[in-house]
PDB file of N, CA and C in Angstrom:
ATOM      1  N   UNK A   1      76.907 127.677  87.426  1.00  0.00           N
ATOM      2  CA  UNK A   1      78.110 127.147  88.106  1.00  0.00           C
ATOM      3  C   UNK A   1      77.944 126.326  89.260  1.00  0.00           C
ATOM      4  N   UNK A   2      78.122 124.966  88.731  1.00  0.00           N
ATOM      5  CA  UNK A   2      78.276 124.121  90.156  1.00  0.00           C
ATOM      6  C   UNK A   2      79.415 124.379  90.969  1.00  0.00           C
ATOM      7  N   UNK A   3      79.108 124.290  92.280  1.00  0.00           N
ATOM      8  CA  UNK A   3      79.822 123.962  93.416  1.00  0.00           C
ATOM      9  C   UNK A   3      80.221 122.937  94.030  1.00  0.00           C
ATOM     10  N   UNK A   4      81.614 122.544  93.831  1.00  0.00           N
ATOM     11  CA  UNK A   4      82.157 121.256  94.506  1.00  0.00           C
ATOM     12  C   UNK A   4      82.630 121.306  96.130  1.00  0.00           C
ATOM     13  N   UNK A   5      82.264 120.428  96.924  1.00  0.00           N
ATOM     14  CA  UNK A   5      82.337 120.115  98.158  1.00  0.00           C
ATOM     15  C   UNK A   5      83.379 119.205  98.368  1.00  0.00           C
ATOM     16  N   UNK A   6      84.355 119.552  98.966  1.00  0.00           N
ATOM     17  CA  UNK A   6      85.491 118.707  99.350  1.00  0.00           C
ATOM     18  C   UNK A   6      86.049 118.268 100.631  1.00  0.00           C
ATOM     19  N   UNK A   7      85.962 117.416 101.167  1.00  0.00           N
ATOM     20  CA  UNK A   7      86.087 117.060 102.469  1.00  0.00           C
ATOM     21  C   UNK A   7      87.761 116.686 102.633  1.00  0.00           C
ATOM     22  N   UNK A   8      88.378 117.139 103.953  1.00  0.00           N
ATOM     23  CA  UNK A   8      89.684 116.825 104.348  1.00  0.00           C
ATOM     24  C   UNK A   8      89.569 115.524 104.854  1.00  0.00           C
ATOM     25  N   UNK A   9      90.132 114.487 104.584  1.00  0.00           N
ATOM     26  CA  UNK A   9      90.232 112.980 104.781  1.00  0.00           C
ATOM     27  C   UNK A   9      91.471 112.687 106.004  1.00  0.00           C
ATOM     28  N   UNK A  10      91.336 112.089 106.671  1.00  0.00           N
ATOM     29  CA  UNK A  10      92.355 112.062 107.878  1.00  0.00           C
ATOM     30  C   UNK A  10      93.537 110.978 107.025  1.00  0.00           C
ATOM     31  N   UNK A  11      94.623 111.001 107.622  1.00  0.00           N
ATOM     32  CA  UNK A  11      95.668 110.095 107.310  1.00  0.00           C
ATOM     33  C   UNK A  11      95.507 108.687 107.926  1.00  0.00           C
ATOM     34  N   UNK A  12      94.911 107.701 106.964  1.00  0.00           N
ATOM     35  CA  UNK A  12      94.595 106.499 107.152  1.00  0.00           C
ATOM     36  C   UNK A  12      96.003 105.322 107.428  1.00  0.00           C
ATOM     37  N   UNK A  13      95.926 104.674 108.550  1.00  0.00           N
ATOM     38  CA  UNK A  13      97.135 103.875 108.548  1.00  0.00           C
ATOM     39  C   UNK A  13      96.738 102.616 108.698  1.00  0.00           C
ATOM     40  N   UNK A  14      95.480 102.175 108.477  1.00  0.00           N
ATOM     41  CA  UNK A  14      95.168 100.554 108.564  1.00  0.00           C
ATOM     42  C   UNK A  14      94.800 100.058 109.969  1.00  0.00           C
ATOM     43  N   UNK A  15      94.932 101.009 110.932  1.00  0.00           N
ATOM     44  CA  UNK A  15      94.959 100.574 111.992  1.00  0.00           C
ATOM     45  C   UNK A  15      93.750  99.824 112.772  1.00  0.00           C
ATOM     46  N   UNK A  16      93.816  98.644 113.441  1.00  0.00           N
ATOM     47  CA  UNK A  16      92.833  98.295 113.714  1.00  0.00           C
ATOM     48  C   UNK A  16      92.300  98.808 114.931  1.00  0.00           C
ATOM     49  N   UNK A  17      91.370  99.490 114.937  1.00  0.00           N
ATOM     50  CA  UNK A  17      90.311 100.080 115.856  1.00  0.00           C
ATOM     51  C   UNK A  17      89.922  99.073 116.684  1.00  0.00           C
ATOM     52  N   UNK A  18      90.372  99.009 118.195  1.00  0.00           N
ATOM     53  CA  UNK A  18      89.645  97.974 119.216  1.00  0.00           C
ATOM     54  C   UNK A  18      88.093  98.371 119.305  1.00  0.00           C
ATOM     55  N   UNK A  19      87.321  97.100 119.355  1.00  0.00           N
ATOM     56  CA  UNK A  19      85.966  97.093 119.742  1.00  0.00           C
ATOM     57  C   UNK A  19      85.365  98.179 120.880  1.00  0.00           C
ATOM     58  N   UNK A  20      86.259  97.944 121.650  1.00  0.00           N
ATOM     59  CA  UNK A  20      85.977  99.086 123.220  1.00  0.00           C
ATOM     60  C   UNK A  20      86.135 100.327 122.861  1.00  0.00           C
ATOM     61  N   UNK A  21      86.891 100.888 121.995  1.00  0.00           N
ATOM     62  CA  UNK A  21      87.089 102.180 121.935  1.00  0.00           C
ATOM     63  C   UNK A  21      85.856 102.621 120.940  1.00  0.00           C
ATOM     64  N   UNK A  22      85.693 101.998 119.779  1.00  0.00           N
ATOM     65  CA  UNK A  22      84.642 102.216 118.978  1.00  0.00           C
ATOM     66  C   UNK A  22      83.250 102.359 119.953  1.00  0.00           C
ATOM     67  N   UNK A  23      83.275 101.752 120.993  1.00  0.00           N
ATOM     68  CA  UNK A  23      82.059 101.362 121.746  1.00  0.00           C
ATOM     69  C   UNK A  23      82.007 102.371 122.709  1.00  0.00           C
ATOM     70  N   UNK A  24      83.192 103.208 123.083  1.00  0.00           N
ATOM     71  CA  UNK A  24      83.104 104.462 124.045  1.00  0.00           C
ATOM     72  C   UNK A  24      83.042 105.713 123.142  1.00  0.00           C
ATOM     73  N   UNK A  25      83.263 105.712 121.907  1.00  0.00           N
ATOM     74  CA  UNK A  25      82.553 106.827 120.896  1.00  0.00           C
ATOM     75  C   UNK A  25      81.272 106.977 120.305  1.00  0.00           C
ATOM     76  N   UNK A  26      80.791 105.337 120.117  1.00  0.00           N
ATOM     77  CA  UNK A  26      79.285 105.369 119.955  1.00  0.00           C
ATOM     78  C   UNK A  26      78.306 105.483 120.680  1.00  0.00           C
ATOM     79  N   UNK A  27      78.588 104.934 121.980  1.00  0.00           N
ATOM     80  CA  UNK A  27      77.708 104.877 122.916  1.00  0.00           C
ATOM     81  C   UNK A  27      76.893 103.385 122.978  1.00  0.00           C
ATOM     82  N   UNK A  28      77.466 102.779 122.147  1.00  0.00           N
ATOM     83  CA  UNK A  28      76.934 101.087 122.180  1.00  0.00           C
ATOM     84  C   UNK A  28      78.022 100.169 122.789  1.00  0.00           C
ATOM     85  N   UNK A  29      77.441  99.267 123.412  1.00  0.00           N
ATOM     86  CA  UNK A  29      78.065  98.160 123.911  1.00  0.00           C
ATOM     87  C   UNK A  29      78.998  97.514 123.287  1.00  0.00           C
ATOM     88  N   UNK A  30      80.284  96.940 123.785  1.00  0.00           N
ATOM     89  CA  UNK A  30      81.037  96.391 122.617  1.00  0.00           C
ATOM     90  C   UNK A  30      80.230  94.942 122.234  1.00  0.00           C
ATOM     91  N   UNK A  31      79.436  94.616 123.438  1.00  0.00           N
ATOM     92  CA  UNK A  31      78.690  93.047 122.637  1.00  0.00           C
ATOM     93  C   UNK A  31      77.677  93.244 121.486  1.00  0.00           C
ATOM     94  N   UNK A  32      76.969  94.340 121.383  1.00  0.00           N
ATOM     95  CA  UNK A  32      76.253  94.928 120.878  1.00  0.00           C
ATOM     96  C   UNK A  32      76.899  95.026 119.150  1.00  0.00           C
ATOM     97  N   UNK A  33      77.983  95.950 119.501  1.00  0.00           N
ATOM     98  CA  UNK A  33      78.780  95.969 118.026  1.00  0.00           C
ATOM     99  C   UNK A  33      79.205  94.670 117.520  1.00  0.00           C
ATOM    100  N   UNK A  34      79.825  93.866 118.155  1.00  0.00           N
ATOM    101  CA  UNK A  34      80.065  92.315 117.974  1.00  0.00           C
ATOM    102  C   UNK A  34      79.252  91.839 117.103  1.00  0.00           C
ATOM    103  N   UNK A  35      78.166  91.628 117.696  1.00  0.00           N
ATOM    104  CA  UNK A  35      76.780  90.889 117.189  1.00  0.00           C
ATOM    105  C   UNK A  35      76.428  91.732 115.555  1.00  0.00           C
ATOM    106  N   UNK A  36      76.436  93.088 115.703  1.00  0.00           N
ATOM    107  CA  UNK A  36      75.938  93.888 114.444  1.00  0.00           C
ATOM    108  C   UNK A  36      77.087  93.518 113.363  1.00  0.00           C
ATOM    109  N   UNK A  37      78.236  93.235 113.939  1.00  0.00           N
ATOM    110  CA  UNK A  37      79.618  92.827 112.848  1.00  0.00           C
ATOM    111  C   UNK A  37      79.339  91.214 112.643  1.00  0.00           C
ATOM    112  N   UNK A  38      79.052  90.452 113.608  1.00  0.00           N
ATOM    113  CA  UNK A  38      78.971  88.974 112.891  1.00  0.00           C
ATOM    114  C   UNK A  38      77.411  88.913 111.902  1.00  0.00           C
ATOM    115  N   UNK A  39      76.478  89.681 112.266  1.00  0.00           N
ATOM    116  CA  UNK A  39      75.198  89.653 111.362  1.00  0.00           C
ATOM    117  C   UNK A  39      75.631  90.336 109.925  1.00  0.00           C
ATOM    118  N   UNK A  40      76.760  91.248 109.691  1.00  0.00           N
ATOM    119  CA  UNK A  40      76.676  92.041 108.722  1.00  0.00           C
ATOM    120  C   UNK A  40      76.064  93.230 108.486  1.00  0.00           C
ATOM    121  N   UNK A  41      75.217  93.447 109.775  1.00  0.00           N
ATOM    122  CA  UNK A  41      74.497  94.836 109.561  1.00  0.00           C
ATOM    123  C   UNK A  41      75.474  95.998 109.965  1.00  0.00           C
ATOM    124  N   UNK A  42      76.465  96.176 110.675  1.00  0.00           N
ATOM    125  CA  UNK A  42      77.553  97.106 110.504  1.00  0.00           C
ATOM    126  C   UNK A  42      78.576  96.673 109.584  1.00  0.00           C
ATOM    127  N   UNK A  43      78.944  98.012 108.908  1.00  0.00           N
ATOM    128  CA  UNK A  43      80.019  98.286 107.848  1.00  0.00           C
ATOM    129  C   UNK A  43      81.286  98.536 108.426  1.00  0.00           C
ATOM    130  N   UNK A  44      81.839  98.592 109.574  1.00  0.00           N
ATOM    131  CA  UNK A  44      82.796  98.988 109.595  1.00  0.00           C
ATOM    132  C   UNK A  44      84.148  98.324 110.196  1.00  0.00           C
ATOM    133  N   UNK A  45      83.774  96.867 109.958  1.00  0.00           N
ATOM    134  CA  UNK A  45      85.046  95.733 110.114  1.00  0.00           C
ATOM    135  C   UNK A  45      84.575  94.866 109.797  1.00  0.00           C
ATOM    136  N   UNK A  46      85.273  93.855 109.990  1.00  0.00           N
ATOM    137  CA  UNK A  46      84.883  92.243 110.016  1.00  0.00           C
ATOM    138  C   UNK A  46      84.746  91.332 111.280  1.00  0.00           C
ATOM    139  N   UNK A  47      83.916  90.776 111.212  1.00  0.00           N
ATOM    140  CA  UNK A  47      84.087  89.530 111.993  1.00  0.00           C
ATOM    141  C   UNK A  47      84.635  88.032 111.450  1.00  0.00           C
ATOM    142  N   UNK A  48      85.416  87.210 112.158  1.00  0.00           N
ATOM    143  CA  UNK A  48      85.975  85.914 111.366  1.00  0.00           C
ATOM    144  C   UNK A  48      85.740  85.255 112.176  1.00  0.00           C
ATOM    145  N   UNK A  49      85.200  84.197 112.007  1.00  0.00           N
ATOM    146  CA  UNK A  49      84.658  83.017 112.906  1.00  0.00           C
ATOM    147  C   UNK A  49      86.081  82.023 113.016  1.00  0.00           C
ATOM    148  N   UNK A  50      86.563  81.544 113.998  1.00  0.00           N
ATOM    149  CA  UNK A  50      87.516  80.281 114.084  1.00  0.00           C
ATOM    150  C   UNK A  50      87.392  79.149 113.637  1.00  0.00           C
ATOM    151  N   UNK A  51      87.866  78.606 112.561  1.00  0.00           N
ATOM    152  CA  UNK A  51      87.265  77.448 112.447  1.00  0.00           C
ATOM    153  C   UNK A  51      87.369  76.164 113.462  1.00  0.00           C
ATOM    154  N   UNK A  52      88.256  76.582 114.007  1.00  0.00           N
ATOM    155  CA  UNK A  52      88.615  75.177 115.240  1.00  0.00           C
ATOM    156  C   UNK A  52      87.772  75.381 116.653  1.00  0.00           C
ATOM    157  N   UNK A  53      87.158  76.456 116.860  1.00  0.00           N
ATOM    158  CA  UNK A  53      86.287  77.048 117.819  1.00  0.00           C
ATOM    159  C   UNK A  53      85.285  77.996 117.726  1.00  0.00           C
ATOM    160  N   UNK A  54      84.283  78.183 118.732  1.00  0.00           N
ATOM    161  CA  UNK A  54      83.078  79.191 118.235  1.00  0.00           C
ATOM    162  C   UNK A  54      83.598  80.469 118.473  1.00  0.00           C
ATOM    163  N   UNK A  55      84.668  80.811 118.508  1.00  0.00           N
ATOM    164  CA  UNK A  55      85.251  82.366 118.936  1.00  0.00           C
ATOM    165  C   UNK A  55      85.121  83.017 117.380  1.00  0.00           C
ATOM    166  N   UNK A  56      85.483  84.469 117.764  1.00  0.00           N
ATOM    167  CA  UNK A  56      85.539  85.344 116.636  1.00  0.00           C
ATOM    168  C   UNK A  56      86.713  86.269 116.580  1.00  0.00           C
ATOM    169  N   UNK A  57      86.939  86.732 115.667  1.00  0.00           N
ATOM    170  CA  UNK A  57      88.117  87.844 115.519  1.00  0.00           C
ATOM    171  C   UNK A  57      87.735  88.977 115.129  1.00  0.00           C
ATOM    172  N   UNK A  58      87.879  90.046 115.361  1.00  0.00           N
ATOM    173  CA  UNK A  58      87.297  91.430 114.787  1.00  0.00           C
ATOM    174  C   UNK A  58      88.537  92.251 114.241  1.00  0.00           C
ATOM    175  N   UNK A  59      88.000  92.698 113.131  1.00  0.00           N
ATOM    176  CA  UNK A  59      89.422  93.751 112.081  1.00  0.00           C
ATOM    177  C   UNK A  59      88.480  94.848 111.708  1.00  0.00           C
ATOM    178  N   UNK A  60      88.799  96.053 112.516  1.00  0.00           N
ATOM    179  CA  UNK A  60      87.997  97.138 112.158  1.00  0.00           C
ATOM    180  C   UNK A  60      88.893  98.407 111.585  1.00  0.00           C
ATOM    181  N   UNK A  61      89.520  98.242 110.567  1.00  0.00           N
ATOM    182  CA  UNK A  61      90.528  99.423 109.666  1.00  0.00           C
ATOM    183  C   UNK A  61      89.930 100.388 110.010  1.00  0.00           C
ATOM    184  N   UNK A  62      90.871 101.519 110.501  1.00  0.00           N
ATOM    185  CA  UNK A  62      90.812 102.731 110.743  1.00  0.00           C
ATOM    186  C   UNK A  62      89.794 103.623 109.711  1.00  0.00           C
ATOM    187  N   UNK A  63      89.987 103.316 108.384  1.00  0.00           N
ATOM    188  CA  UNK A  63      89.190 103.803 107.434  1.00  0.00           C
ATOM    189  C   UNK A  63      87.838 103.684 107.588  1.00  0.00           C
ATOM    190  N   UNK A  64      87.497 102.559 107.536  1.00  0.00           N
ATOM    191  CA  UNK A  64      85.989 101.921 107.805  1.00  0.00           C
ATOM    192  C   UNK A  64      85.270 102.488 108.885  1.00  0.00           C
ATOM    193  N   UNK A  65      86.243 102.753 109.880  1.00  0.00           N
ATOM    194  CA  UNK A  65      85.442 103.144 111.249  1.00  0.00           C
ATOM    195  C   UNK A  65      85.053 104.474 110.642  1.00  0.00           C
ATOM    196  N   UNK A  66      85.859 105.144 110.264  1.00  0.00           N
ATOM    197  CA  UNK A  66      85.849 106.804 109.864  1.00  0.00           C
ATOM    198  C   UNK A  66      84.538 106.968 109.095  1.00  0.00           C
ATOM    199  N   UNK A  67      84.794 106.153 108.168  1.00  0.00           N
ATOM    200  CA  UNK A  67      83.199 106.027 106.650  1.00  0.00           C
ATOM    201  C   UNK A  67      82.102 105.708 107.487  1.00  0.00           C
ATOM    202  N   UNK A  68      82.157 104.662 108.322  1.00  0.00           N
ATOM    203  CA  UNK A  68      80.935 104.406 108.863  1.00  0.00           C
ATOM    204  C   UNK A  68      80.316 105.330 110.380  1.00  0.00           C
ATOM    205  N   UNK A  69      81.409 105.927 111.186  1.00  0.00           N
ATOM    206  CA  UNK A  69      81.034 106.318 112.273  1.00  0.00           C
ATOM    207  C   UNK A  69      81.430 108.100 112.241  1.00  0.00           C
ATOM    208  N   UNK A  70      82.583 107.933 111.353  1.00  0.00           N
ATOM    209  CA  UNK A  70      82.799 109.774 111.438  1.00  0.00           C
ATOM    210  C   UNK A  70      84.026 109.869 112.688  1.00  0.00           C
ATOM    211  N   UNK A  71      84.283 108.583 113.067  1.00  0.00           N
ATOM    212  CA  UNK A  71      85.188 108.697 114.129  1.00  0.00           C
ATOM    213  C   UNK A  71      86.695 107.956 113.934  1.00  0.00           C
ATOM    214  N   UNK A  72      87.785 109.252 113.979  1.00  0.00           N
ATOM    215  CA  UNK A  72      88.989 108.654 113.675  1.00  0.00           C
ATOM    216  C   UNK A  72      90.326 109.206 114.642  1.00  0.00           C
ATOM    217  N   UNK A  73      90.870 108.770 115.066  1.00  0.00           N
ATOM    218  CA  UNK A  73      91.853 108.861 116.298  1.00  0.00           C
ATOM    219  C   UNK A  73      93.250 108.998 115.475  1.00  0.00           C
ATOM    220  N   UNK A  74      93.878 110.080 115.644  1.00  0.00           N
ATOM    221  CA  UNK A  74      95.317 110.346 115.176  1.00  0.00           C
ATOM    222  C   UNK A  74      96.358 110.204 116.003  1.00  0.00           C
ATOM    223  N   UNK A  75      96.027 109.814 117.539  1.00  0.00           N
ATOM    224  CA  UNK A  75      97.176 109.695 118.126  1.00  0.00           C
ATOM    225  C   UNK A  75      96.616 108.355 119.310  1.00  0.00           C
ATOM    226  N   UNK A  76      96.586 107.174 118.549  1.00  0.00           N
ATOM    227  CA  UNK A  76      95.677 106.081 119.600  1.00  0.00           C
ATOM    228  C   UNK A  76      96.712 105.919 120.373  1.00  0.00           C
ATOM    229  N   UNK A  77      97.764 106.173 120.609  1.00  0.00           N
ATOM    230  CA  UNK A  77      98.970 105.636 121.702  1.00  0.00           C
ATOM    231  C   UNK A  77      98.902 106.732 122.769  1.00  0.00           C
ATOM    232  N   UNK A  78      98.105 107.672 122.437  1.00  0.00           N
ATOM    233  CA  UNK A  78      98.000 108.995 122.984  1.00  0.00           C
ATOM    234  C   UNK A  78      99.736 109.703 123.571  1.00  0.00           C
ATOM    235  N   UNK A  79     100.438 109.050 122.730  1.00  0.00           N
ATOM    236  CA  UNK A  79     101.969 109.744 122.975  1.00  0.00           C
ATOM    237  C   UNK A  79     102.939 109.162 123.849  1.00  0.00           C
ATOM    238  N   UNK A  80     102.371 107.722 124.134  1.00  0.00           N
ATOM    239  CA  UNK A  80     103.468 107.086 125.390  1.00  0.00           C
ATOM    240  C   UNK A  80     104.222 106.263 124.488  1.00  0.00           C
TER     241      UNK A  80
END
């Protein structure tokens, strides 16, 4: 008989997890993480280039961050 394994998933909100927060939990620098997103090497978010400037904006939804890193913060505001 085949045994099935189920994983309890967090209650995702679509929250944009800041790069600095991801940096703290992964031990990688924010610069490294931003560059990996720009190059499409890491898949926990998106790097969007501003058409008018050379700057980028980053969107890292909590579900993608959890799927790629295992990190999820259910209380990002700390109850403040």
